[in-house]
């Protein structure tokens, strides 16, 4: 299982459209919501971060939350029908 750092999130209509991510200081890439859901189901930790180098703050990992018959990605555990990505404060 990998720790996947989330550098930026683009949401529209309460859904993740794109996440800019990085694995183990590799180059960044963009993934879509379906890829993020698949990675979360596979046990990878998708963690919003803020900062660079040795001054990095890590937020709460995205969790796949089931609401009705649909999955949502959230950094809290509320059973609400929307994706939420909260980045740590400066």
Protein backbone atom coordinates (compact mmCIF):
# COMPACT_ATOMS: atom_id res chain seq x y z
CA UNK A 1 0.00 0.00 0.00
CA UNK A 2 1.26 3.46 -0.85
CA UNK A 3 0.89 6.88 0.71
CA UNK A 4 -0.29 9.06 -2.14
CA UNK A 5 0.06 12.79 -1.54
CA UNK A 6 -2.75 15.00 -2.84
CA UNK A 7 -1.29 18.34 -3.94
CA UNK A 8 -4.41 19.89 -5.47
CA UNK A 9 -8.07 18.98 -5.86
CA UNK A 10 -10.55 20.19 -8.45
CA UNK A 11 -14.18 19.70 -7.49
CA UNK A 12 -17.37 20.55 -9.37
CA UNK A 13 -20.94 19.88 -8.26
CA UNK A 14 -19.65 18.34 -5.00
CA UNK A 15 -17.62 15.73 -6.92
CA UNK A 16 -13.91 15.35 -7.43
CA UNK A 17 -13.06 16.04 -11.05
CA UNK A 18 -9.27 15.80 -10.83
CA UNK A 19 -6.65 15.27 -8.16
CA UNK A 20 -3.02 16.23 -8.63
CA UNK A 21 -1.09 13.51 -6.79
CA UNK A 22 2.44 12.33 -6.12
CA UNK A 23 3.75 8.98 -4.89
CA UNK A 24 7.04 8.85 -2.92
CA UNK A 25 8.46 12.12 -4.28
CA UNK A 26 7.97 10.98 -7.88
CA UNK A 27 6.66 13.32 -10.55
CA UNK A 28 3.12 14.56 -10.16
CA UNK A 29 0.20 13.28 -12.17
CA UNK A 30 -3.51 13.92 -12.42
CA UNK A 31 -6.09 11.28 -11.70
CA UNK A 32 -9.86 11.31 -11.98
CA UNK A 33 -12.48 10.42 -9.39
CA UNK A 34 -12.84 6.81 -10.53
CA UNK A 35 -9.10 6.22 -10.21
CA UNK A 36 -9.08 7.79 -6.73
CA UNK A 37 -11.99 5.54 -5.67
CA UNK A 38 -10.22 2.46 -7.04
CA UNK A 39 -6.99 3.35 -5.24
CA UNK A 40 -8.87 3.96 -1.97
CA UNK A 41 -10.66 0.60 -2.31
CA UNK A 42 -7.28 -1.05 -2.94
CA UNK A 43 -6.06 0.25 0.43
CA UNK A 44 -3.86 3.14 -0.67
CA UNK A 45 -3.85 6.26 1.52
CA UNK A 46 -4.70 9.43 -0.40
CA UNK A 47 -3.51 12.23 1.89
CA UNK A 48 -3.96 15.97 1.28
CA UNK A 49 -0.74 17.85 2.06
CA UNK A 50 0.39 21.45 2.36
CA UNK A 51 3.96 22.70 2.10
CA UNK A 52 7.22 21.51 0.56
CA UNK A 53 10.39 19.68 1.53
CA UNK A 54 10.79 19.25 5.28
CA UNK A 55 7.92 21.65 6.04
CA UNK A 56 4.95 19.49 4.99
CA UNK A 57 1.67 19.21 6.89
CA UNK A 58 -0.43 16.12 6.28
CA UNK A 59 -4.21 16.19 6.48
CA UNK A 60 -6.70 13.38 7.00
CA UNK A 61 -6.72 10.67 4.35
CA UNK A 62 -9.62 10.35 1.93
CA UNK A 63 -12.05 7.63 2.92
CA UNK A 64 -14.60 5.99 0.65
CA UNK A 65 -17.97 6.52 2.36
CA UNK A 66 -21.07 4.70 1.15
CA UNK A 67 -24.22 6.81 0.95
CA UNK A 68 -27.13 4.81 -0.37
CA UNK A 69 -25.60 2.71 -3.11
CA UNK A 70 -22.95 5.26 -4.12
CA UNK A 71 -19.41 5.89 -2.84
CA UNK A 72 -18.06 9.33 -2.00
CA UNK A 73 -14.51 10.36 -1.12
CA UNK A 74 -14.27 12.40 2.07
CA UNK A 75 -11.63 13.50 4.56
CA UNK A 76 -14.26 13.21 7.30
CA UNK A 77 -16.57 10.29 8.00
CA UNK A 78 -19.92 12.02 7.50
CA UNK A 79 -22.43 10.04 5.47
CA UNK A 80 -23.16 12.90 3.07
CA UNK A 81 -23.59 12.61 -0.68
CA UNK A 82 -20.63 14.77 -1.69
CA UNK A 83 -16.87 14.51 -2.00
CA UNK A 84 -14.81 16.58 0.47
CA UNK A 85 -11.05 17.17 0.36
CA UNK A 86 -9.79 19.31 3.25
CA UNK A 87 -6.18 20.41 3.04
CA UNK A 88 -4.28 21.11 6.28
CA UNK A 89 -3.90 24.75 7.33
CA UNK A 90 -0.68 26.65 6.68
